[in-house]
Amino acid sequence: MSIRLIVTGGTFDKHYDELNGQLTFRDTHLPEIMGAARCTVPIEVEINQLVDSLDMGPEDRLRVLDSCRRAAEERIIVTHGTDTMAETAQILGNAGMEKTVVLTGAMVPYAVQHSDAVFNFGFSVAAVQLLPAGVYVAMNGRVFAWDEVRKNRTEGRFEGRD
């Protein structure tokens, strides 16, 4: 069973630019993350875009949906910025695809010490193999259905909707 990994950027792929003192995008860290996770599952990596999710617009979310629809694989992981991950999950969930799609991200960039990126990546690889068809958010050891998740910005974590 092969997994499609659709990269959209977000905190997973941010890197510290020493010249301007900002977190920016240069390229995806996913090959390095997969190596650190020692993942042996066949994964096809597709770079869809490299953006901060706060900068994603409706057309960007539709690009993610199009990639999911076109994927030959039935199991898909989408790396995404955490700020608007639930919005993209809603677009994908409302599409009613007969695939298992798991969105994941990181609260701390992979390039920064004590990042949760490797854990969340490994967790999403396990989740996408075990969950039935549907759209989910997998973050920090928890899995949420696309229509039952929100980011608690005060606590810095994902939780179910009340």
N, C-alpha and C. Protein backbone atom coordinates (compact mmCIF):
# COMPACT_ATOMS: atom_id res chain seq x y z
N MET A 1 0.84 -1.18 0.00
CA MET A 1 0.00 0.00 0.00
C MET A 1 0.89 1.24 0.00
N SER A 2 0.69 2.10 -0.98
CA SER A 2 1.44 3.34 -1.08
C SER A 2 0.60 4.50 -0.55
N ILE A 3 1.27 5.49 -0.01
CA ILE A 3 0.62 6.68 0.55
C ILE A 3 1.05 7.88 -0.28
N ARG A 4 0.12 8.76 -0.57
CA ARG A 4 0.43 10.04 -1.22
C ARG A 4 0.62 11.07 -0.11
N LEU A 5 1.71 11.81 -0.15
CA LEU A 5 1.99 12.88 0.81
C LEU A 5 1.94 14.20 0.07
N ILE A 6 0.92 14.99 0.36
CA ILE A 6 0.74 16.29 -0.30
C ILE A 6 1.25 17.37 0.64
N VAL A 7 2.27 18.08 0.19
CA VAL A 7 2.94 19.11 0.99
C VAL A 7 2.35 20.48 0.65
N THR A 8 1.94 21.22 1.69
CA THR A 8 1.43 22.57 1.45
C THR A 8 2.26 23.64 2.17
N GLY A 9 3.24 23.24 2.95
CA GLY A 9 4.05 24.22 3.67
C GLY A 9 3.71 24.20 5.14
N GLY A 10 3.34 25.35 5.66
CA GLY A 10 3.03 25.46 7.08
C GLY A 10 4.28 25.37 7.92
N THR A 11 4.10 25.25 9.20
CA THR A 11 5.21 25.24 10.14
C THR A 11 6.15 24.06 9.91
N PHE A 12 5.64 22.95 9.39
CA PHE A 12 6.49 21.79 9.06
C PHE A 12 7.71 22.24 8.27
N ASP A 13 7.49 23.10 7.29
CA ASP A 13 8.53 23.44 6.32
C ASP A 13 9.17 24.80 6.50
N LYS A 14 8.87 25.49 7.58
CA LYS A 14 9.51 26.79 7.80
C LYS A 14 10.96 26.60 8.23
N HIS A 15 11.77 27.56 7.83
CA HIS A 15 13.18 27.53 8.21
C HIS A 15 13.57 28.94 8.62
N TYR A 16 14.55 29.03 9.49
CA TYR A 16 14.97 30.34 10.00
C TYR A 16 15.94 30.98 9.05
N ASP A 17 15.60 32.16 8.54
CA ASP A 17 16.46 32.92 7.64
C ASP A 17 17.29 33.88 8.49
N GLU A 18 18.59 33.57 8.60
CA GLU A 18 19.47 34.36 9.46
C GLU A 18 19.64 35.79 8.97
N LEU A 19 19.49 36.03 7.68
CA LEU A 19 19.70 37.36 7.12
C LEU A 19 18.59 38.34 7.50
N ASN A 20 17.35 37.86 7.51
CA ASN A 20 16.26 38.79 7.86
C ASN A 20 15.60 38.46 9.19
N GLY A 21 16.06 37.39 9.85
CA GLY A 21 15.55 37.05 11.17
C GLY A 21 14.11 36.57 11.17
N GLN A 22 13.66 35.96 10.06
CA GLN A 22 12.28 35.50 9.97
C GLN A 22 12.23 34.03 9.59
N LEU A 23 11.08 33.42 9.90
CA LEU A 23 10.82 32.07 9.44
C LEU A 23 10.25 32.17 8.03
N THR A 24 10.88 31.50 7.08
CA THR A 24 10.47 31.55 5.68
C THR A 24 10.44 30.15 5.10
N PHE A 25 10.12 30.06 3.81
CA PHE A 25 10.13 28.78 3.10
C PHE A 25 11.26 28.77 2.09
N ARG A 26 11.98 27.67 2.05
CA ARG A 26 13.00 27.47 1.03
C ARG A 26 12.68 26.22 0.24
N ASP A 27 12.39 25.13 0.93
CA ASP A 27 12.05 23.86 0.33
C ASP A 27 11.39 23.02 1.42
N THR A 28 10.87 21.87 1.05
CA THR A 28 10.23 21.01 2.06
C THR A 28 11.28 20.25 2.87
N HIS A 29 10.99 20.05 4.14
CA HIS A 29 11.83 19.24 5.02
C HIS A 29 11.38 17.79 5.04
N LEU A 30 10.32 17.46 4.28
CA LEU A 30 9.72 16.13 4.39
C LEU A 30 10.66 14.97 4.10
N PRO A 31 11.56 15.04 3.10
CA PRO A 31 12.49 13.91 2.93
C PRO A 31 13.35 13.68 4.18
N GLU A 32 13.79 14.76 4.81
CA GLU A 32 14.58 14.64 6.03
C GLU A 32 13.73 14.12 7.19
N ILE A 33 12.49 14.58 7.29
CA ILE A 33 11.58 14.12 8.34
C ILE A 33 11.30 12.63 8.17
N MET A 34 11.07 12.19 6.92
CA MET A 34 10.82 10.77 6.68
C MET A 34 12.03 9.93 7.08
N GLY A 35 13.22 10.45 6.82
CA GLY A 35 14.43 9.75 7.23
C GLY A 35 14.55 9.68 8.74
N ALA A 36 14.28 10.79 9.42
CA ALA A 36 14.35 10.82 10.88
C ALA A 36 13.34 9.87 11.50
N ALA A 37 12.18 9.74 10.85
CA ALA A 37 11.13 8.84 11.35
C ALA A 37 11.40 7.38 10.99
N ARG A 38 12.40 7.15 10.12
CA ARG A 38 12.75 5.81 9.65
C ARG A 38 11.53 5.10 9.05
N CYS A 39 10.76 5.87 8.30
CA CYS A 39 9.55 5.35 7.69
C CYS A 39 9.89 4.42 6.54
N THR A 40 9.31 3.23 6.54
CA THR A 40 9.56 2.24 5.49
C THR A 40 8.35 2.03 4.58
N VAL A 41 7.28 2.74 4.84
CA VAL A 41 6.08 2.65 4.02
C VAL A 41 6.35 3.41 2.71
N PRO A 42 5.97 2.85 1.56
CA PRO A 42 6.16 3.59 0.30
C PRO A 42 5.32 4.87 0.30
N ILE A 43 5.99 6.00 0.07
CA ILE A 43 5.31 7.30 0.08
C ILE A 43 5.71 8.09 -1.16
N GLU A 44 4.70 8.59 -1.86
CA GLU A 44 4.91 9.47 -3.01
C GLU A 44 4.72 10.91 -2.53
N VAL A 45 5.78 11.71 -2.61
CA VAL A 45 5.73 13.09 -2.14
C VAL A 45 5.35 14.01 -3.30
N GLU A 46 4.37 14.86 -3.06
CA GLU A 46 3.92 15.86 -4.03
C GLU A 46 3.94 17.23 -3.37
N ILE A 47 4.75 18.13 -3.89
CA ILE A 47 4.75 19.49 -3.35
C ILE A 47 3.65 20.26 -4.06
N ASN A 48 2.61 20.55 -3.32
CA ASN A 48 1.45 21.26 -3.85
C ASN A 48 1.69 22.76 -3.81
N GLN A 49 2.25 23.22 -2.70
CA GLN A 49 2.58 24.63 -2.48
C GLN A 49 3.39 24.72 -1.20
N LEU A 50 4.09 25.82 -1.00
CA LEU A 50 4.83 26.07 0.23
C LEU A 50 4.41 27.45 0.74
N VAL A 51 3.36 27.46 1.57
CA VAL A 51 2.82 28.71 2.08
C VAL A 51 2.46 28.57 3.56
N ASP A 52 2.39 29.69 4.21
CA ASP A 52 1.84 29.75 5.56
C ASP A 52 0.33 29.61 5.42
N SER A 53 -0.30 28.82 6.25
CA SER A 53 -1.74 28.60 6.06
C SER A 53 -2.56 29.87 6.26
N LEU A 54 -2.02 30.86 6.97
CA LEU A 54 -2.73 32.13 7.10
C LEU A 54 -2.80 32.87 5.77
N ASP A 55 -1.89 32.53 4.85
CA ASP A 55 -1.87 33.14 3.53
C ASP A 55 -2.63 32.33 2.49
N MET A 56 -3.21 31.20 2.89
CA MET A 56 -3.97 30.37 1.96
C MET A 56 -5.32 31.00 1.68
N GLY A 57 -5.67 31.01 0.40
CA GLY A 57 -6.99 31.48 0.01
C GLY A 57 -7.82 30.32 -0.51
N PRO A 58 -9.04 30.59 -0.94
CA PRO A 58 -9.90 29.53 -1.46
C PRO A 58 -9.28 28.76 -2.63
N GLU A 59 -8.58 29.46 -3.52
CA GLU A 59 -7.96 28.78 -4.67
C GLU A 59 -6.86 27.83 -4.22
N ASP A 60 -6.14 28.17 -3.16
CA ASP A 60 -5.09 27.29 -2.63
C ASP A 60 -5.69 26.01 -2.06
N ARG A 61 -6.80 26.15 -1.35
CA ARG A 61 -7.48 24.99 -0.77
C ARG A 61 -8.04 24.09 -1.88
N LEU A 62 -8.52 24.70 -2.96
CA LEU A 62 -9.03 23.91 -4.09
C LEU A 62 -7.89 23.16 -4.79
N ARG A 63 -6.68 23.73 -4.77
CA ARG A 63 -5.52 23.02 -5.33
C ARG A 63 -5.24 21.75 -4.52
N VAL A 64 -5.40 21.84 -3.20
CA VAL A 64 -5.21 20.66 -2.34
C VAL A 64 -6.28 19.63 -2.66
N LEU A 65 -7.52 20.07 -2.77
CA LEU A 65 -8.62 19.16 -3.10
C LEU A 65 -8.38 18.49 -4.45
N ASP A 66 -7.94 19.24 -5.44
CA ASP A 66 -7.67 18.69 -6.76
C ASP A 66 -6.58 17.62 -6.68
N SER A 67 -5.53 17.88 -5.91
CA SER A 67 -4.45 16.89 -5.75
C SER A 67 -4.98 15.62 -5.10
N CYS A 68 -5.85 15.76 -4.11
CA CYS A 68 -6.42 14.58 -3.45
C CYS A 68 -7.27 13.78 -4.44
N ARG A 69 -8.06 14.47 -5.21
CA ARG A 69 -8.93 13.78 -6.18
C ARG A 69 -8.11 13.06 -7.25
N ARG A 70 -7.03 13.70 -7.73
CA ARG A 70 -6.21 13.13 -8.80
C ARG A 70 -5.30 12.01 -8.33
N ALA A 71 -5.03 11.93 -7.04
CA ALA A 71 -4.09 10.93 -6.52
C ALA A 71 -4.58 9.51 -6.82
N ALA A 72 -3.67 8.69 -7.31
CA ALA A 72 -4.00 7.29 -7.55
C ALA A 72 -4.14 6.54 -6.22
N GLU A 73 -3.46 7.03 -5.20
CA GLU A 73 -3.47 6.39 -3.89
C GLU A 73 -4.80 6.65 -3.18
N GLU A 74 -5.24 5.67 -2.41
CA GLU A 74 -6.47 5.78 -1.62
C GLU A 74 -6.19 6.35 -0.23
N ARG A 75 -4.91 6.43 0.14
CA ARG A 75 -4.50 6.93 1.47
C ARG A 75 -3.59 8.12 1.26
N ILE A 76 -3.99 9.27 1.86
CA ILE A 76 -3.32 10.54 1.60
C ILE A 76 -3.05 11.25 2.91
N ILE A 77 -1.83 11.79 3.03
CA ILE A 77 -1.48 12.69 4.14
C ILE A 77 -1.26 14.07 3.55
N VAL A 78 -1.81 15.09 4.18
CA VAL A 78 -1.59 16.47 3.77
C VAL A 78 -0.89 17.18 4.91
N THR A 79 0.34 17.67 4.67
CA THR A 79 0.99 18.51 5.68
C THR A 79 0.48 19.93 5.47
N HIS A 80 0.14 20.59 6.57
CA HIS A 80 -0.59 21.85 6.47
C HIS A 80 -0.25 22.72 7.68
N GLY A 81 -0.31 24.01 7.49
CA GLY A 81 -0.17 24.93 8.62
C GLY A 81 -1.35 24.76 9.58
N THR A 82 -1.07 24.90 10.86
CA THR A 82 -2.10 24.60 11.86
C THR A 82 -3.17 25.68 11.98
N ASP A 83 -2.86 26.92 11.59
CA ASP A 83 -3.82 28.00 11.80
C ASP A 83 -5.12 27.82 11.02
N THR A 84 -5.04 27.26 9.82
CA THR A 84 -6.26 27.09 9.02
C THR A 84 -6.46 25.64 8.56
N MET A 85 -5.82 24.71 9.25
CA MET A 85 -5.94 23.30 8.89
C MET A 85 -7.40 22.83 8.92
N ALA A 86 -8.15 23.25 9.91
CA ALA A 86 -9.54 22.83 10.03
C ALA A 86 -10.38 23.34 8.85
N GLU A 87 -10.05 24.52 8.32
CA GLU A 87 -10.77 25.05 7.15
C GLU A 87 -10.54 24.18 5.92
N THR A 88 -9.29 23.79 5.69
CA THR A 88 -8.99 22.92 4.55
C THR A 88 -9.62 21.55 4.75
N ALA A 89 -9.59 21.04 5.98
CA ALA A 89 -10.23 19.74 6.26
C ALA A 89 -11.72 19.80 5.93
N GLN A 90 -12.35 20.93 6.19
CA GLN A 90 -13.77 21.07 5.89
C GLN A 90 -14.02 21.02 4.38
N ILE A 91 -13.18 21.68 3.59
CA ILE A 91 -13.31 21.65 2.12
C ILE A 91 -13.17 20.20 1.64
N LEU A 92 -12.14 19.50 2.14
CA LEU A 92 -11.90 18.12 1.72
C LEU A 92 -13.03 17.20 2.20
N GLY A 93 -13.48 17.38 3.42
CA GLY A 93 -14.54 16.54 3.97
C GLY A 93 -15.86 16.71 3.23
N ASN A 94 -16.19 17.95 2.89
CA ASN A 94 -17.43 18.21 2.16
C ASN A 94 -17.41 17.65 0.74
N ALA A 95 -16.21 17.35 0.22
CA ALA A 95 -16.09 16.82 -1.14
C ALA A 95 -16.56 15.37 -1.23
N GLY A 96 -16.62 14.67 -0.10
CA GLY A 96 -17.14 13.30 -0.08
C GLY A 96 -16.30 12.28 -0.85
N MET A 97 -15.00 12.42 -0.82
CA MET A 97 -14.12 11.46 -1.50
C MET A 97 -14.14 10.12 -0.79
N GLU A 98 -13.96 9.06 -1.54
CA GLU A 98 -13.88 7.71 -0.97
C GLU A 98 -12.42 7.35 -0.73
N LYS A 99 -11.71 8.23 -0.05
CA LYS A 99 -10.29 8.03 0.28
C LYS A 99 -10.11 8.36 1.75
N THR A 100 -9.00 7.91 2.30
CA THR A 100 -8.65 8.28 3.66
C THR A 100 -7.64 9.40 3.57
N VAL A 101 -8.00 10.58 4.08
CA VAL A 101 -7.15 11.76 4.02
C VAL A 101 -6.89 12.23 5.45
N VAL A 102 -5.62 12.36 5.79
CA VAL A 102 -5.23 12.80 7.13
C VAL A 102 -4.40 14.07 6.99
N LEU A 103 -4.87 15.15 7.61
CA LEU A 103 -4.10 16.40 7.64
C LEU A 103 -3.31 16.44 8.94
N THR A 104 -2.07 16.89 8.85
CA THR A 104 -1.23 17.04 10.03
C THR A 104 -0.34 18.25 9.86
N GLY A 105 0.26 18.67 10.93
CA GLY A 105 1.14 19.83 10.90
C GLY A 105 2.05 19.81 12.11
N ALA A 106 2.60 20.96 12.42
CA ALA A 106 3.49 21.08 13.57
C ALA A 106 3.25 22.43 14.23
N MET A 107 3.37 22.44 15.54
CA MET A 107 3.27 23.70 16.28
C MET A 107 4.63 24.40 16.32
N VAL A 108 5.69 23.61 16.20
CA VAL A 108 7.06 24.14 16.22
C VAL A 108 7.73 23.67 14.93
N PRO A 109 8.39 24.57 14.17
CA PRO A 109 9.03 24.16 12.91
C PRO A 109 10.01 23.01 13.10
N TYR A 110 10.07 22.14 12.09
CA TYR A 110 11.01 21.02 12.12
C TYR A 110 12.43 21.50 12.36
N ALA A 111 12.79 22.62 11.79
CA ALA A 111 14.16 23.13 11.88
C ALA A 111 14.49 23.72 13.25
N VAL A 112 13.52 23.76 14.16
CA VAL A 112 13.72 24.32 15.49
C VAL A 112 13.73 23.18 16.51
N GLN A 113 14.62 23.28 17.48
CA GLN A 113 14.74 22.23 18.49
C GLN A 113 13.40 21.98 19.19
N HIS A 114 13.14 20.73 19.51
CA HIS A 114 11.93 20.27 20.20
C HIS A 114 10.67 20.40 19.36
N SER A 115 10.82 20.30 18.05
CA SER A 115 9.66 20.32 17.15
C SER A 115 8.84 19.05 17.33
N ASP A 116 7.56 19.18 17.09
CA ASP A 116 6.65 18.04 17.11
C ASP A 116 6.43 17.47 15.70
N ALA A 117 7.18 17.96 14.71
CA ALA A 117 6.97 17.56 13.31
C ALA A 117 7.20 16.07 13.08
N VAL A 118 8.30 15.51 13.59
CA VAL A 118 8.59 14.09 13.34
C VAL A 118 7.53 13.21 13.99
N PHE A 119 7.15 13.53 15.21
CA PHE A 119 6.10 12.75 15.88
C PHE A 119 4.79 12.82 15.10
N ASN A 120 4.38 14.03 14.73
CA ASN A 120 3.11 14.18 14.03
C ASN A 120 3.13 13.50 12.66
N PHE A 121 4.28 13.55 11.99
CA PHE A 121 4.38 12.85 10.71
C PHE A 121 4.20 11.35 10.93
N GLY A 122 4.95 10.76 11.85
CA GLY A 122 4.84 9.33 12.12
C GLY A 122 3.45 8.94 12.55
N PHE A 123 2.85 9.76 13.38
CA PHE A 123 1.49 9.51 13.85
C PHE A 123 0.51 9.51 12.67
N SER A 124 0.68 10.45 11.75
CA SER A 124 -0.23 10.53 10.60
C SER A 124 -0.04 9.34 9.66
N VAL A 125 1.19 8.82 9.54
CA VAL A 125 1.43 7.63 8.71
C VAL A 125 0.67 6.44 9.29
N ALA A 126 0.71 6.29 10.61
CA ALA A 126 -0.04 5.20 11.24
C ALA A 126 -1.54 5.42 11.08
N ALA A 127 -2.00 6.65 11.33
CA ALA A 127 -3.43 6.94 11.27
C ALA A 127 -4.00 6.69 9.88
N VAL A 128 -3.31 7.13 8.83
CA VAL A 128 -3.85 6.99 7.48
C VAL A 128 -3.97 5.53 7.07
N GLN A 129 -3.17 4.67 7.66
CA GLN A 129 -3.25 3.24 7.35
C GLN A 129 -4.37 2.53 8.12
N LEU A 130 -4.78 3.09 9.25
CA LEU A 130 -5.73 2.42 10.12
C LEU A 130 -7.16 2.94 10.03
N LEU A 131 -7.33 4.19 9.61
CA LEU A 131 -8.64 4.81 9.60
C LEU A 131 -9.44 4.42 8.35
N PRO A 132 -10.77 4.37 8.48
CA PRO A 132 -11.61 4.14 7.29
C PRO A 132 -11.63 5.39 6.41
N ALA A 133 -12.22 5.27 5.22
CA ALA A 133 -12.33 6.40 4.32
C ALA A 133 -12.97 7.58 5.04
N GLY A 134 -12.44 8.76 4.79
CA GLY A 134 -12.92 9.98 5.43
C GLY A 134 -11.78 10.97 5.53
N VAL A 135 -12.06 12.12 6.09
CA VAL A 135 -11.06 13.17 6.26
C VAL A 135 -10.88 13.43 7.75
N TYR A 136 -9.61 13.47 8.16
CA TYR A 136 -9.27 13.59 9.57
C TYR A 136 -8.14 14.59 9.78
N VAL A 137 -8.04 15.08 11.01
CA VAL A 137 -6.89 15.88 11.46
C VAL A 137 -6.21 15.06 12.54
N ALA A 138 -4.89 14.83 12.37
CA ALA A 138 -4.11 14.06 13.34
C ALA A 138 -3.00 14.96 13.88
N MET A 139 -3.12 15.32 15.14
CA MET A 139 -2.15 16.22 15.76
C MET A 139 -1.85 15.78 17.19
N ASN A 140 -0.58 15.68 17.50
CA ASN A 140 -0.11 15.46 18.86
C ASN A 140 -0.80 14.30 19.57
N GLY A 141 -0.94 13.19 18.83
CA GLY A 141 -1.46 11.96 19.41
C GLY A 141 -2.97 11.83 19.41
N ARG A 142 -3.66 12.76 18.80
CA ARG A 142 -5.13 12.69 18.74
C ARG A 142 -5.59 12.76 17.30
N VAL A 143 -6.70 12.08 17.01
CA VAL A 143 -7.30 12.10 15.69
C VAL A 143 -8.72 12.67 15.82
N PHE A 144 -9.05 13.58 14.91
CA PHE A 144 -10.37 14.21 14.92
C PHE A 144 -10.99 14.09 13.53
N ALA A 145 -12.29 13.85 13.47
CA ALA A 145 -13.01 13.91 12.21
C ALA A 145 -13.01 15.35 11.73
N TRP A 146 -13.04 15.54 10.42
CA TRP A 146 -12.94 16.87 9.81
C TRP A 146 -13.98 17.85 10.31
N ASP A 147 -15.14 17.38 10.68
CA ASP A 147 -16.23 18.26 11.09
C ASP A 147 -16.35 18.36 12.62
N GLU A 148 -15.36 17.84 13.32
CA GLU A 148 -15.40 17.86 14.79
C GLU A 148 -14.10 18.36 15.39
N VAL A 149 -13.42 19.29 14.70
CA VAL A 149 -12.11 19.74 15.18
C VAL A 149 -11.98 21.25 15.08
N ARG A 150 -11.23 21.79 16.03
CA ARG A 150 -10.87 23.20 15.99
C ARG A 150 -9.52 23.37 16.67
N LYS A 151 -8.84 24.44 16.32
CA LYS A 151 -7.58 24.76 16.98
C LYS A 151 -7.87 25.71 18.14
N ASN A 152 -7.44 25.31 19.33
CA ASN A 152 -7.55 26.16 20.50
C ASN A 152 -6.27 26.99 20.55
N ARG A 153 -6.35 28.23 20.11
CA ARG A 153 -5.16 29.09 20.03
C ARG A 153 -4.64 29.48 21.42
N THR A 154 -5.51 29.53 22.40
CA THR A 154 -5.09 29.86 23.76
C THR A 154 -4.22 28.76 24.35
N GLU A 155 -4.64 27.50 24.14
CA GLU A 155 -3.92 26.34 24.67
C GLU A 155 -2.84 25.82 23.73
N GLY A 156 -2.90 26.26 22.45
CA GLY A 156 -1.92 25.78 21.47
C GLY A 156 -2.08 24.31 21.15
N ARG A 157 -3.35 23.86 20.98
CA ARG A 157 -3.60 22.46 20.69
C ARG A 157 -4.92 22.32 19.93
N PHE A 158 -5.10 21.15 19.33
CA PHE A 158 -6.35 20.86 18.64
C PHE A 158 -7.27 20.12 19.60
N GLU A 159 -8.57 20.35 19.42
CA GLU A 159 -9.57 19.72 20.28
C GLU A 159 -10.86 19.55 19.52
N GLY A 160 -11.76 18.74 20.07
CA GLY A 160 -13.06 18.56 19.46
C GLY A 160 -13.91 19.81 19.62
N ARG A 161 -14.84 19.97 18.70
CA ARG A 161 -15.77 21.11 18.82
C ARG A 161 -16.76 20.82 19.93
N ASP A 162 -17.12 21.86 20.64
CA ASP A 162 -18.11 21.70 21.74
C ASP A 162 -19.50 21.54 21.24
